[in-house]
PDB file of N, CA and C in Angstrom:
ATOM      1  N   UNK A   1      45.996 125.614 112.187  1.00  0.00           N
ATOM      2  CA  UNK A   1      45.957 126.659 111.516  1.00  0.00           C
ATOM      3  C   UNK A   1      44.450 126.849 110.953  1.00  0.00           C
ATOM      4  N   UNK A   2      43.891 127.956 111.156  1.00  0.00           N
ATOM      5  CA  UNK A   2      42.586 128.227 111.394  1.00  0.00           C
ATOM      6  C   UNK A   2      41.658 128.225 110.173  1.00  0.00           C
ATOM      7  N   UNK A   3      40.185 127.964 110.300  1.00  0.00           N
ATOM      8  CA  UNK A   3      39.946 127.747 108.926  1.00  0.00           C
ATOM      9  C   UNK A   3      39.982 129.389 108.060  1.00  0.00           C
ATOM     10  N   UNK A   4      39.815 130.057 108.306  1.00  0.00           N
ATOM     11  CA  UNK A   4      39.871 131.235 107.273  1.00  0.00           C
ATOM     12  C   UNK A   4      41.095 131.271 106.614  1.00  0.00           C
ATOM     13  N   UNK A   5      42.235 130.711 107.339  1.00  0.00           N
ATOM     14  CA  UNK A   5      43.422 130.486 106.820  1.00  0.00           C
ATOM     15  C   UNK A   5      43.522 129.112 105.809  1.00  0.00           C
ATOM     16  N   UNK A   6      43.046 128.354 106.135  1.00  0.00           N
ATOM     17  CA  UNK A   6      43.267 127.063 105.522  1.00  0.00           C
ATOM     18  C   UNK A   6      42.214 127.744 103.964  1.00  0.00           C
ATOM     19  N   UNK A   7      41.089 128.371 104.300  1.00  0.00           N
ATOM     20  CA  UNK A   7      40.257 128.413 103.107  1.00  0.00           C
ATOM     21  C   UNK A   7      41.449 129.455 102.080  1.00  0.00           C
ATOM     22  N   UNK A   8      41.702 130.142 102.759  1.00  0.00           N
ATOM     23  CA  UNK A   8      42.413 131.248 102.131  1.00  0.00           C
ATOM     24  C   UNK A   8      43.704 130.673 101.033  1.00  0.00           C
ATOM     25  N   UNK A   9      44.629 129.353 101.659  1.00  0.00           N
ATOM     26  CA  UNK A   9      45.404 128.826 101.477  1.00  0.00           C
ATOM     27  C   UNK A   9      44.950 128.383 100.015  1.00  0.00           C
ATOM     28  N   UNK A  10      43.776 127.292 100.168  1.00  0.00           N
ATOM     29  CA  UNK A  10      43.210 126.678  98.839  1.00  0.00           C
ATOM     30  C   UNK A  10      42.737 127.345  97.944  1.00  0.00           C
ATOM     31  N   UNK A  11      42.284 129.073  98.530  1.00  0.00           N
ATOM     32  CA  UNK A  11      42.021 129.567  96.992  1.00  0.00           C
ATOM     33  C   UNK A  11      43.276 130.318  96.063  1.00  0.00           C
ATOM     34  N   UNK A  12      44.240 130.295  97.301  1.00  0.00           N
ATOM     35  CA  UNK A  12      45.440 131.064  96.019  1.00  0.00           C
ATOM     36  C   UNK A  12      46.175 129.723  95.516  1.00  0.00           C
ATOM     37  N   UNK A  13      46.014 128.266  96.001  1.00  0.00           N
ATOM     38  CA  UNK A  13      46.399 127.555  95.281  1.00  0.00           C
ATOM     39  C   UNK A  13      45.488 127.458  93.997  1.00  0.00           C
ATOM     40  N   UNK A  14      44.495 127.423  94.253  1.00  0.00           N
ATOM     41  CA  UNK A  14      43.089 127.395  92.981  1.00  0.00           C
ATOM     42  C   UNK A  14      43.316 128.163  91.909  1.00  0.00           C
ATOM     43  N   UNK A  15      43.916 129.908  92.232  1.00  0.00           N
ATOM     44  CA  UNK A  15      44.156 130.743  91.809  1.00  0.00           C
ATOM     45  C   UNK A  15      45.372 130.456  90.875  1.00  0.00           C
ATOM     46  N   UNK A  16      46.524 130.024  91.615  1.00  0.00           N
ATOM     47  CA  UNK A  16      47.514 129.875  91.142  1.00  0.00           C
ATOM     48  C   UNK A  16      47.862 128.538  89.876  1.00  0.00           C
ATOM     49  N   UNK A  17      47.000 127.593  89.977  1.00  0.00           N
ATOM     50  CA  UNK A  17      46.314 126.548  89.189  1.00  0.00           C
ATOM     51  C   UNK A  17      46.159 127.175  87.723  1.00  0.00           C
ATOM     52  N   UNK A  18      44.936 128.028  88.257  1.00  0.00           N
ATOM     53  CA  UNK A  18      44.339 128.487  87.102  1.00  0.00           C
ATOM     54  C   UNK A  18      45.124 129.431  86.228  1.00  0.00           C
ATOM     55  N   UNK A  19      45.928 130.180  86.461  1.00  0.00           N
ATOM     56  CA  UNK A  19      47.046 130.459  85.932  1.00  0.00           C
ATOM     57  C   UNK A  19      48.172 130.211  85.683  1.00  0.00           C
ATOM     58  N   UNK A  20      48.579 128.847  86.222  1.00  0.00           N
ATOM     59  CA  UNK A  20      49.967 128.045  85.727  1.00  0.00           C
ATOM     60  C   UNK A  20      51.057 128.996  86.287  1.00  0.00           C
ATOM     61  N   UNK A  21      51.061 129.619  87.905  1.00  0.00           N
ATOM     62  CA  UNK A  21      52.301 129.833  88.452  1.00  0.00           C
ATOM     63  C   UNK A  21      51.863 129.109  89.825  1.00  0.00           C
ATOM     64  N   UNK A  22      53.381 129.472  90.661  1.00  0.00           N
ATOM     65  CA  UNK A  22      52.993 128.997  92.173  1.00  0.00           C
ATOM     66  C   UNK A  22      53.101 130.058  92.840  1.00  0.00           C
ATOM     67  N   UNK A  23      52.690 129.926  94.145  1.00  0.00           N
ATOM     68  CA  UNK A  23      52.474 130.562  95.371  1.00  0.00           C
ATOM     69  C   UNK A  23      53.490 129.845  96.066  1.00  0.00           C
ATOM     70  N   UNK A  24      54.202 130.823  96.831  1.00  0.00           N
ATOM     71  CA  UNK A  24      55.483 130.543  97.833  1.00  0.00           C
ATOM     72  C   UNK A  24      54.917 130.684  99.246  1.00  0.00           C
ATOM     73  N   UNK A  25      54.196 129.343  99.620  1.00  0.00           N
ATOM     74  CA  UNK A  25      53.318 129.463 101.033  1.00  0.00           C
ATOM     75  C   UNK A  25      54.279 129.832 102.188  1.00  0.00           C
ATOM     76  N   UNK A  26      55.629 129.602 101.894  1.00  0.00           N
ATOM     77  CA  UNK A  26      56.290 129.403 103.070  1.00  0.00           C
ATOM     78  C   UNK A  26      57.274 130.728 103.330  1.00  0.00           C
ATOM     79  N   UNK A  27      56.863 131.651 102.363  1.00  0.00           N
ATOM     80  CA  UNK A  27      57.238 133.474 102.747  1.00  0.00           C
ATOM     81  C   UNK A  27      56.432 133.997 102.345  1.00  0.00           C
ATOM     82  N   UNK A  28      55.371 134.085 103.269  1.00  0.00           N
ATOM     83  CA  UNK A  28      54.347 135.074 103.198  1.00  0.00           C
ATOM     84  C   UNK A  28      54.576 136.474 103.435  1.00  0.00           C
ATOM     85  N   UNK A  29      54.265 137.125 102.351  1.00  0.00           N
ATOM     86  CA  UNK A  29      54.313 138.590 102.712  1.00  0.00           C
ATOM     87  C   UNK A  29      53.804 139.546 103.583  1.00  0.00           C
ATOM     88  N   UNK A  30      52.432 139.102 103.966  1.00  0.00           N
ATOM     89  CA  UNK A  30      51.990 139.448 105.229  1.00  0.00           C
ATOM     90  C   UNK A  30      50.504 138.919 105.284  1.00  0.00           C
ATOM     91  N   UNK A  31      49.957 139.261 106.398  1.00  0.00           N
ATOM     92  CA  UNK A  31      48.591 138.782 106.761  1.00  0.00           C
ATOM     93  C   UNK A  31      47.929 139.353 107.913  1.00  0.00           C
ATOM     94  N   UNK A  32      46.797 139.434 108.035  1.00  0.00           N
ATOM     95  CA  UNK A  32      45.740 140.692 109.165  1.00  0.00           C
ATOM     96  C   UNK A  32      44.669 139.732 108.969  1.00  0.00           C
ATOM     97  N   UNK A  33      43.686 140.968 109.268  1.00  0.00           N
ATOM     98  CA  UNK A  33      42.069 140.462 109.866  1.00  0.00           C
ATOM     99  C   UNK A  33      41.488 140.290 108.193  1.00  0.00           C
ATOM    100  N   UNK A  34      41.898 140.934 107.131  1.00  0.00           N
ATOM    101  CA  UNK A  34      41.357 141.078 105.851  1.00  0.00           C
ATOM    102  C   UNK A  34      41.697 140.031 105.086  1.00  0.00           C
ATOM    103  N   UNK A  35      42.894 139.527 105.027  1.00  0.00           N
ATOM    104  CA  UNK A  35      43.212 138.456 103.992  1.00  0.00           C
ATOM    105  C   UNK A  35      44.926 137.680 104.374  1.00  0.00           C
ATOM    106  N   UNK A  36      45.446 136.988 103.903  1.00  0.00           N
ATOM    107  CA  UNK A  36      46.502 136.454 103.601  1.00  0.00           C
ATOM    108  C   UNK A  36      47.465 137.369 102.086  1.00  0.00           C
ATOM    109  N   UNK A  37      48.765 137.372 102.309  1.00  0.00           N
ATOM    110  CA  UNK A  37      49.731 137.702 101.014  1.00  0.00           C
ATOM    111  C   UNK A  37      50.778 136.765 100.894  1.00  0.00           C
ATOM    112  N   UNK A  38      50.800 135.992  99.588  1.00  0.00           N
ATOM    113  CA  UNK A  38      52.106 135.401  99.020  1.00  0.00           C
ATOM    114  C   UNK A  38      52.786 135.966  97.776  1.00  0.00           C
ATOM    115  N   UNK A  39      54.022 135.616  97.921  1.00  0.00           N
ATOM    116  CA  UNK A  39      54.464 135.700  96.774  1.00  0.00           C
ATOM    117  C   UNK A  39      54.620 134.973  95.549  1.00  0.00           C
ATOM    118  N   UNK A  40      54.732 134.892  94.414  1.00  0.00           N
ATOM    119  CA  UNK A  40      54.502 134.189  92.992  1.00  0.00           C
ATOM    120  C   UNK A  40      55.336 133.811  92.658  1.00  0.00           C
ATOM    121  N   UNK A  41      55.538 132.990  91.456  1.00  0.00           N
ATOM    122  CA  UNK A  41      56.412 132.484  90.705  1.00  0.00           C
ATOM    123  C   UNK A  41      56.781 133.763  89.843  1.00  0.00           C
ATOM    124  N   UNK A  42      55.787 134.365  89.240  1.00  0.00           N
ATOM    125  CA  UNK A  42      56.278 135.628  88.228  1.00  0.00           C
ATOM    126  C   UNK A  42      56.339 136.937  89.019  1.00  0.00           C
ATOM    127  N   UNK A  43      57.309 137.054  89.965  1.00  0.00           N
ATOM    128  CA  UNK A  43      57.461 138.180  90.881  1.00  0.00           C
ATOM    129  C   UNK A  43      56.179 138.919  91.213  1.00  0.00           C
ATOM    130  N   UNK A  44      54.799 138.561  91.509  1.00  0.00           N
ATOM    131  CA  UNK A  44      53.874 139.453  91.648  1.00  0.00           C
ATOM    132  C   UNK A  44      53.520 139.110  93.343  1.00  0.00           C
ATOM    133  N   UNK A  45      52.574 139.492  93.970  1.00  0.00           N
ATOM    134  CA  UNK A  45      52.246 139.273  95.265  1.00  0.00           C
ATOM    135  C   UNK A  45      50.556 138.773  95.005  1.00  0.00           C
ATOM    136  N   UNK A  46      50.102 137.702  95.596  1.00  0.00           N
ATOM    137  CA  UNK A  46      48.951 137.475  95.317  1.00  0.00           C
ATOM    138  C   UNK A  46      48.105 137.437  96.681  1.00  0.00           C
ATOM    139  N   UNK A  47      46.964 138.229  96.687  1.00  0.00           N
ATOM    140  CA  UNK A  47      46.296 138.404  97.942  1.00  0.00           C
ATOM    141  C   UNK A  47      44.704 138.106  97.984  1.00  0.00           C
ATOM    142  N   UNK A  48      44.574 137.034  99.139  1.00  0.00           N
ATOM    143  CA  UNK A  48      43.551 136.293  99.133  1.00  0.00           C
ATOM    144  C   UNK A  48      42.666 137.092 100.171  1.00  0.00           C
ATOM    145  N   UNK A  49      41.586 137.876 100.081  1.00  0.00           N
ATOM    146  CA  UNK A  49      40.780 138.169 101.190  1.00  0.00           C
ATOM    147  C   UNK A  49      39.493 137.164 101.705  1.00  0.00           C
ATOM    148  N   UNK A  50      39.200 137.385 102.522  1.00  0.00           N
ATOM    149  CA  UNK A  50      38.662 136.587 103.821  1.00  0.00           C
ATOM    150  C   UNK A  50      36.966 136.982 103.525  1.00  0.00           C
ATOM    151  N   UNK A  51      36.764 138.038 102.953  1.00  0.00           N
ATOM    152  CA  UNK A  51      35.125 138.763 103.281  1.00  0.00           C
ATOM    153  C   UNK A  51      34.917 139.126 101.767  1.00  0.00           C
ATOM    154  N   UNK A  52      34.204 139.110 101.084  1.00  0.00           N
ATOM    155  CA  UNK A  52      33.604 139.430 100.118  1.00  0.00           C
ATOM    156  C   UNK A  52      33.283 141.119  99.814  1.00  0.00           C
ATOM    157  N   UNK A  53      32.958 141.255 100.965  1.00  0.00           N
ATOM    158  CA  UNK A  53      32.818 143.371 100.949  1.00  0.00           C
ATOM    159  C   UNK A  53      34.143 143.782 100.657  1.00  0.00           C
ATOM    160  N   UNK A  54      35.192 143.573 101.598  1.00  0.00           N
ATOM    161  CA  UNK A  54      36.530 143.570 101.634  1.00  0.00           C
ATOM    162  C   UNK A  54      37.163 143.559 100.026  1.00  0.00           C
ATOM    163  N   UNK A  55      36.823 142.272  99.947  1.00  0.00           N
ATOM    164  CA  UNK A  55      37.579 142.177  98.612  1.00  0.00           C
ATOM    165  C   UNK A  55      37.034 142.999  97.248  1.00  0.00           C
ATOM    166  N   UNK A  56      35.658 143.180  97.396  1.00  0.00           N
ATOM    167  CA  UNK A  56      34.978 143.792  96.121  1.00  0.00           C
ATOM    168  C   UNK A  56      35.739 145.577  96.211  1.00  0.00           C
ATOM    169  N   UNK A  57      35.752 145.952  97.635  1.00  0.00           N
ATOM    170  CA  UNK A  57      36.184 147.318  97.867  1.00  0.00           C
ATOM    171  C   UNK A  57      37.706 147.433  97.298  1.00  0.00           C
ATOM    172  N   UNK A  58      38.493 146.533  97.398  1.00  0.00           N
ATOM    173  CA  UNK A  58      40.030 146.211  97.627  1.00  0.00           C
ATOM    174  C   UNK A  58      39.967 146.101  95.675  1.00  0.00           C
ATOM    175  N   UNK A  59      39.144 145.248  95.290  1.00  0.00           N
ATOM    176  CA  UNK A  59      39.297 145.366  93.763  1.00  0.00           C
ATOM    177  C   UNK A  59      38.750 146.769  93.055  1.00  0.00           C
ATOM    178  N   UNK A  60      37.885 147.551  93.603  1.00  0.00           N
ATOM    179  CA  UNK A  60      37.378 148.435  92.600  1.00  0.00           C
ATOM    180  C   UNK A  60      38.512 149.596  92.984  1.00  0.00           C
ATOM    181  N   UNK A  61      39.350 149.345  94.015  1.00  0.00           N
ATOM    182  CA  UNK A  61      39.875 150.573  94.194  1.00  0.00           C
ATOM    183  C   UNK A  61      41.342 150.094  93.364  1.00  0.00           C
ATOM    184  N   UNK A  62      41.871 149.262  93.059  1.00  0.00           N
ATOM    185  CA  UNK A  62      42.571 148.855  92.612  1.00  0.00           C
ATOM    186  C   UNK A  62      42.403 148.953  90.757  1.00  0.00           C
ATOM    187  N   UNK A  63      40.990 148.889  90.525  1.00  0.00           N
ATOM    188  CA  UNK A  63      40.569 148.973  89.205  1.00  0.00           C
ATOM    189  C   UNK A  63      40.559 150.508  89.036  1.00  0.00           C
ATOM    190  N   UNK A  64      40.085 151.350  89.913  1.00  0.00           N
ATOM    191  CA  UNK A  64      40.209 152.491  89.202  1.00  0.00           C
ATOM    192  C   UNK A  64      41.387 152.969  89.445  1.00  0.00           C
ATOM    193  N   UNK A  65      42.795 152.839  89.936  1.00  0.00           N
ATOM    194  CA  UNK A  65      43.621 153.317  90.129  1.00  0.00           C
ATOM    195  C   UNK A  65      44.251 152.916  88.834  1.00  0.00           C
ATOM    196  N   UNK A  66      44.055 151.697  88.651  1.00  0.00           N
ATOM    197  CA  UNK A  66      44.560 150.950  87.338  1.00  0.00           C
ATOM    198  C   UNK A  66      44.219 151.924  86.013  1.00  0.00           C
ATOM    199  N   UNK A  67      42.951 152.160  86.019  1.00  0.00           N
ATOM    200  CA  UNK A  67      42.152 152.996  84.880  1.00  0.00           C
ATOM    201  C   UNK A  67      42.332 154.072  84.915  1.00  0.00           C
ATOM    202  N   UNK A  68      42.861 155.137  86.318  1.00  0.00           N
ATOM    203  CA  UNK A  68      43.365 156.417  85.787  1.00  0.00           C
ATOM    204  C   UNK A  68      44.871 156.001  85.707  1.00  0.00           C
ATOM    205  N   UNK A  69      45.553 155.606  85.483  1.00  0.00           N
ATOM    206  CA  UNK A  69      46.922 155.174  85.258  1.00  0.00           C
ATOM    207  C   UNK A  69      48.043 155.758  86.791  1.00  0.00           C
ATOM    208  N   UNK A  70      47.212 155.474  88.167  1.00  0.00           N
ATOM    209  CA  UNK A  70      47.947 156.179  89.167  1.00  0.00           C
ATOM    210  C   UNK A  70      49.098 155.228  89.346  1.00  0.00           C
ATOM    211  N   UNK A  71      50.403 155.461  89.707  1.00  0.00           N
ATOM    212  CA  UNK A  71      51.251 154.510  90.492  1.00  0.00           C
ATOM    213  C   UNK A  71      52.056 155.347  91.628  1.00  0.00           C
ATOM    214  N   UNK A  72      51.253 156.265  92.076  1.00  0.00           N
ATOM    215  CA  UNK A  72      51.932 156.782  92.821  1.00  0.00           C
ATOM    216  C   UNK A  72      50.890 157.741  93.629  1.00  0.00           C
ATOM    217  N   UNK A  73      50.646 157.924  95.047  1.00  0.00           N
ATOM    218  CA  UNK A  73      50.141 158.790  95.722  1.00  0.00           C
ATOM    219  C   UNK A  73      50.604 159.352  97.189  1.00  0.00           C
ATOM    220  N   UNK A  74      51.474 160.437  96.677  1.00  0.00           N
ATOM    221  CA  UNK A  74      51.922 161.712  97.428  1.00  0.00           C
ATOM    222  C   UNK A  74      53.315 160.855  97.161  1.00  0.00           C
ATOM    223  N   UNK A  75      54.119 160.031  98.111  1.00  0.00           N
ATOM    224  CA  UNK A  75      55.262 159.380  98.039  1.00  0.00           C
ATOM    225  C   UNK A  75      55.180 158.132  97.817  1.00  0.00           C
ATOM    226  N   UNK A  76      54.149 157.798  98.232  1.00  0.00           N
ATOM    227  CA  UNK A  76      54.021 156.137  98.119  1.00  0.00           C
ATOM    228  C   UNK A  76      53.579 155.247  96.894  1.00  0.00           C
ATOM    229  N   UNK A  77      54.179 154.065  96.405  1.00  0.00           N
ATOM    230  CA  UNK A  77      54.188 153.217  95.542  1.00  0.00           C
ATOM    231  C   UNK A  77      52.609 152.843  95.652  1.00  0.00           C
ATOM    232  N   UNK A  78      51.984 152.882  94.374  1.00  0.00           N
ATOM    233  CA  UNK A  78      51.050 152.118  94.528  1.00  0.00           C
ATOM    234  C   UNK A  78      51.190 150.930  93.561  1.00  0.00           C
ATOM    235  N   UNK A  79      50.851 149.553  93.934  1.00  0.00           N
ATOM    236  CA  UNK A  79      51.212 148.242  93.140  1.00  0.00           C
ATOM    237  C   UNK A  79      50.206 148.219  91.847  1.00  0.00           C
ATOM    238  N   UNK A  80      50.302 147.949  90.379  1.00  0.00           N
ATOM    239  CA  UNK A  80      49.516 147.899  89.540  1.00  0.00           C
ATOM    240  C   UNK A  80      48.831 146.450  89.715  1.00  0.00           C
ATOM    241  N   UNK A  81      47.759 146.612  89.365  1.00  0.00           N
ATOM    242  CA  UNK A  81      46.760 145.207  89.071  1.00  0.00           C
ATOM    243  C   UNK A  81      47.126 144.648  87.877  1.00  0.00           C
ATOM    244  N   UNK A  82      47.391 143.341  88.341  1.00  0.00           N
ATOM    245  CA  UNK A  82      47.869 142.420  87.432  1.00  0.00           C
ATOM    246  C   UNK A  82      46.521 141.524  86.908  1.00  0.00           C
ATOM    247  N   UNK A  83      45.871 140.669  87.773  1.00  0.00           N
ATOM    248  CA  UNK A  83      44.771 140.021  87.654  1.00  0.00           C
ATOM    249  C   UNK A  83      44.106 140.170  88.887  1.00  0.00           C
ATOM    250  N   UNK A  84      42.647 139.374  88.774  1.00  0.00           N
ATOM    251  CA  UNK A  84      41.970 138.706  90.066  1.00  0.00           C
ATOM    252  C   UNK A  84      40.853 138.116  89.756  1.00  0.00           C
ATOM    253  N   UNK A  85      40.236 137.433  90.564  1.00  0.00           N
ATOM    254  CA  UNK A  85      39.241 136.433  90.795  1.00  0.00           C
ATOM    255  C   UNK A  85      38.301 136.630  91.503  1.00  0.00           C
ATOM    256  N   UNK A  86      36.837 137.119  91.096  1.00  0.00           N
ATOM    257  CA  UNK A  86      35.897 137.162  92.157  1.00  0.00           C
ATOM    258  C   UNK A  86      35.520 135.998  92.891  1.00  0.00           C
ATOM    259  N   UNK A  87      35.460 134.557  92.296  1.00  0.00           N
ATOM    260  CA  UNK A  87      35.120 133.691  93.041  1.00  0.00           C
ATOM    261  C   UNK A  87      35.767 133.063  93.960  1.00  0.00           C
ATOM    262  N   UNK A  88      37.211 133.518  94.001  1.00  0.00           N
ATOM    263  CA  UNK A  88      38.349 133.007  94.744  1.00  0.00           C
ATOM    264  C   UNK A  88      38.644 134.165  95.654  1.00  0.00           C
ATOM    265  N   UNK A  89      37.779 135.405  95.802  1.00  0.00           N
ATOM    266  CA  UNK A  89      38.654 136.872  96.390  1.00  0.00           C
ATOM    267  C   UNK A  89      39.786 136.994  96.266  1.00  0.00           C
ATOM    268  N   UNK A  90      40.396 136.728  95.215  1.00  0.00           N
ATOM    269  CA  UNK A  90      41.972 136.918  94.843  1.00  0.00           C
ATOM    270  C   UNK A  90      42.325 138.204  94.187  1.00  0.00           C
ATOM    271  N   UNK A  91      43.364 138.994  94.738  1.00  0.00           N
ATOM    272  CA  UNK A  91      43.745 140.158  94.082  1.00  0.00           C
ATOM    273  C   UNK A  91      45.234 139.895  93.642  1.00  0.00           C
ATOM    274  N   UNK A  92      45.546 139.705  92.616  1.00  0.00           N
ATOM    275  CA  UNK A  92      47.377 140.126  92.087  1.00  0.00           C
ATOM    276  C   UNK A  92      47.763 141.046  91.827  1.00  0.00           C
ATOM    277  N   UNK A  93      48.755 141.354  92.537  1.00  0.00           N
ATOM    278  CA  UNK A  93      49.343 142.644  92.267  1.00  0.00           C
ATOM    279  C   UNK A  93      51.077 142.728  92.300  1.00  0.00           C
ATOM    280  N   UNK A  94      51.707 143.685  91.447  1.00  0.00           N
ATOM    281  CA  UNK A  94      52.970 143.618  91.559  1.00  0.00           C
ATOM    282  C   UNK A  94      53.676 143.924  92.682  1.00  0.00           C
ATOM    283  N   UNK A  95      54.643 143.844  93.025  1.00  0.00           N
ATOM    284  CA  UNK A  95      55.585 143.993  94.377  1.00  0.00           C
ATOM    285  C   UNK A  95      56.180 145.443  93.998  1.00  0.00           C
ATOM    286  N   UNK A  96      55.917 146.016  94.813  1.00  0.00           N
ATOM    287  CA  UNK A  96      56.681 147.341  94.662  1.00  0.00           C
ATOM    288  C   UNK A  96      57.613 147.712  95.776  1.00  0.00           C
ATOM    289  N   UNK A  97      58.404 148.255  95.894  1.00  0.00           N
ATOM    290  CA  UNK A  97      59.622 148.911  96.968  1.00  0.00           C
ATOM    291  C   UNK A  97      58.692 150.107  98.144  1.00  0.00           C
ATOM    292  N   UNK A  98      59.334 149.738  99.049  1.00  0.00           N
ATOM    293  CA  UNK A  98      58.779 151.027 100.405  1.00  0.00           C
ATOM    294  C   UNK A  98      58.838 152.438  99.730  1.00  0.00           C
ATOM    295  N   UNK A  99      58.538 153.323 100.227  1.00  0.00           N
ATOM    296  CA  UNK A  99      57.105 153.306 100.646  1.00  0.00           C
ATOM    297  C   UNK A  99      55.948 153.057  99.727  1.00  0.00           C
ATOM    298  N   UNK A 100      55.045 152.347 100.588  1.00  0.00           N
ATOM    299  CA  UNK A 100      53.966 151.881  99.573  1.00  0.00           C
ATOM    300  C   UNK A 100      52.484 151.727 100.040  1.00  0.00           C
ATOM    301  N   UNK A 101      51.967 151.718  99.340  1.00  0.00           N
ATOM    302  CA  UNK A 101      50.088 151.892  99.867  1.00  0.00           C
ATOM    303  C   UNK A 101      49.634 150.824  99.207  1.00  0.00           C
ATOM    304  N   UNK A 102      49.453 149.649 100.102  1.00  0.00           N
ATOM    305  CA  UNK A 102      48.604 148.303  99.408  1.00  0.00           C
ATOM    306  C   UNK A 102      47.357 147.924  99.591  1.00  0.00           C
ATOM    307  N   UNK A 103      46.847 148.857 101.002  1.00  0.00           N
ATOM    308  CA  UNK A 103      45.965 148.107 101.518  1.00  0.00           C
ATOM    309  C   UNK A 103      44.405 148.881 101.118  1.00  0.00           C
ATOM    310  N   UNK A 104      43.289 148.149 100.585  1.00  0.00           N
ATOM    311  CA  UNK A 104      42.290 149.210 100.430  1.00  0.00           C
ATOM    312  C   UNK A 104      41.311 148.151 100.883  1.00  0.00           C
ATOM    313  N   UNK A 105      41.295 147.264 101.789  1.00  0.00           N
ATOM    314  CA  UNK A 105      40.025 146.113 102.227  1.00  0.00           C
ATOM    315  C   UNK A 105      38.975 147.291 103.087  1.00  0.00           C
ATOM    316  N   UNK A 106      39.656 148.292 103.109  1.00  0.00           N
ATOM    317  CA  UNK A 106      38.359 149.196 104.542  1.00  0.00           C
ATOM    318  C   UNK A 106      38.086 150.141 103.712  1.00  0.00           C
ATOM    319  N   UNK A 107      38.323 150.771 102.300  1.00  0.00           N
ATOM    320  CA  UNK A 107      37.865 151.975 102.048  1.00  0.00           C
ATOM    321  C   UNK A 107      36.666 151.742 101.716  1.00  0.00           C
ATOM    322  N   UNK A 108      35.774 153.510 101.335  1.00  0.00           N
ATOM    323  CA  UNK A 108      34.852 153.480 101.007  1.00  0.00           C
ATOM    324  C   UNK A 108      34.357 154.323  99.733  1.00  0.00           C
ATOM    325  N   UNK A 109      33.932 153.586  98.700  1.00  0.00           N
ATOM    326  CA  UNK A 109      34.013 154.168  97.745  1.00  0.00           C
ATOM    327  C   UNK A 109      32.708 155.295  96.840  1.00  0.00           C
ATOM    328  N   UNK A 110      32.155 156.284  96.926  1.00  0.00           N
ATOM    329  CA  UNK A 110      31.227 156.883  96.240  1.00  0.00           C
ATOM    330  C   UNK A 110      30.121 157.206  97.312  1.00  0.00           C
ATOM    331  N   UNK A 111      30.470 156.834  98.641  1.00  0.00           N
ATOM    332  CA  UNK A 111      29.899 157.356  99.190  1.00  0.00           C
ATOM    333  C   UNK A 111      30.400 157.499 100.766  1.00  0.00           C
ATOM    334  N   UNK A 112      30.010 158.059 101.983  1.00  0.00           N
ATOM    335  CA  UNK A 112      30.970 158.426 103.437  1.00  0.00           C
ATOM    336  C   UNK A 112      30.367 156.833 103.963  1.00  0.00           C
ATOM    337  N   UNK A 113      31.334 156.236 104.719  1.00  0.00           N
ATOM    338  CA  UNK A 113      31.562 154.999 105.700  1.00  0.00           C
ATOM    339  C   UNK A 113      29.771 155.266 106.634  1.00  0.00           C
ATOM    340  N   UNK A 114      29.745 154.066 107.106  1.00  0.00           N
ATOM    341  CA  UNK A 114      28.147 154.434 107.565  1.00  0.00           C
ATOM    342  C   UNK A 114      28.484 154.966 109.388  1.00  0.00           C
ATOM    343  N   UNK A 115      29.365 155.375 109.343  1.00  0.00           N
ATOM    344  CA  UNK A 115      29.701 155.871 110.659  1.00  0.00           C
ATOM    345  C   UNK A 115      30.311 157.092 110.683  1.00  0.00           C
ATOM    346  N   UNK A 116      30.169 157.966 109.504  1.00  0.00           N
ATOM    347  CA  UNK A 116      30.489 158.944 109.178  1.00  0.00           C
ATOM    348  C   UNK A 116      29.383 160.277 110.016  1.00  0.00           C
ATOM    349  N   UNK A 117      28.144 159.970 110.195  1.00  0.00           N
ATOM    350  CA  UNK A 117      27.942 161.118 111.138  1.00  0.00           C
ATOM    351  C   UNK A 117      27.686 160.506 112.558  1.00  0.00           C
ATOM    352  N   UNK A 118      28.299 159.621 113.487  1.00  0.00           N
ATOM    353  CA  UNK A 118      28.441 159.214 114.519  1.00  0.00           C
ATOM    354  C   UNK A 118      29.813 160.440 115.256  1.00  0.00           C
ATOM    355  N   UNK A 119      29.330 161.262 115.635  1.00  0.00           N
ATOM    356  CA  UNK A 119      30.295 162.633 116.193  1.00  0.00           C
ATOM    357  C   UNK A 119      31.515 162.021 117.171  1.00  0.00           C
ATOM    358  N   UNK A 120      31.160 160.854 117.893  1.00  0.00           N
ATOM    359  CA  UNK A 120      31.787 160.292 119.004  1.00  0.00           C
ATOM    360  C   UNK A 120      32.711 159.662 118.215  1.00  0.00           C
ATOM    361  N   UNK A 121      32.524 158.847 117.336  1.00  0.00           N
ATOM    362  CA  UNK A 121      33.806 158.147 116.683  1.00  0.00           C
ATOM    363  C   UNK A 121      34.559 159.330 115.548  1.00  0.00           C
ATOM    364  N   UNK A 122      33.542 160.138 114.850  1.00  0.00           N
ATOM    365  CA  UNK A 122      34.630 161.016 113.945  1.00  0.00           C
ATOM    366  C   UNK A 122      35.789 161.939 115.120  1.00  0.00           C
ATOM    367  N   UNK A 123      35.058 162.316 116.105  1.00  0.00           N
ATOM    368  CA  UNK A 123      36.130 162.900 117.437  1.00  0.00           C
ATOM    369  C   UNK A 123      37.748 162.408 117.293  1.00  0.00           C
ATOM    370  N   UNK A 124      37.214 160.728 117.112  1.00  0.00           N
ATOM    371  CA  UNK A 124      38.750 160.137 117.262  1.00  0.00           C
ATOM    372  C   UNK A 124      39.560 160.259 116.084  1.00  0.00           C
ATOM    373  N   UNK A 125      39.157 160.551 115.251  1.00  0.00           N
ATOM    374  CA  UNK A 125      39.780 161.069 113.815  1.00  0.00           C
ATOM    375  C   UNK A 125      40.477 162.519 114.062  1.00  0.00           C
ATOM    376  N   UNK A 126      40.123 163.388 114.421  1.00  0.00           N
ATOM    377  CA  UNK A 126      39.924 164.666 114.480  1.00  0.00           C
ATOM    378  C   UNK A 126      41.592 164.954 115.155  1.00  0.00           C
TER     379      UNK A 126
END
């Protein structure tokens, strides 16, 4: 197992211990370049992100969605934010049924992304 995964597992265990829940490390719900996700004993999903910037963007999106009462975007379910821990880069969300919108680790809030003025990159999106 590589260092980011080991660090994520340790952070997930610390988060679970602090909330008196358990994490099912044998049944991951997902993983990628931003982090890892596992189910918990209370029916939620625990996301541990690798980088602080991605964590903050994702956390802030979930906070805004929660504060606005958003449960769905178009036909996609949006999980409810259960809890988070800034020190552990941990986000706990409810588990929703597909189709769903879960990943906000690469969003930009309140300002366009740094590549917005790059005509070549933007042409690839159109």
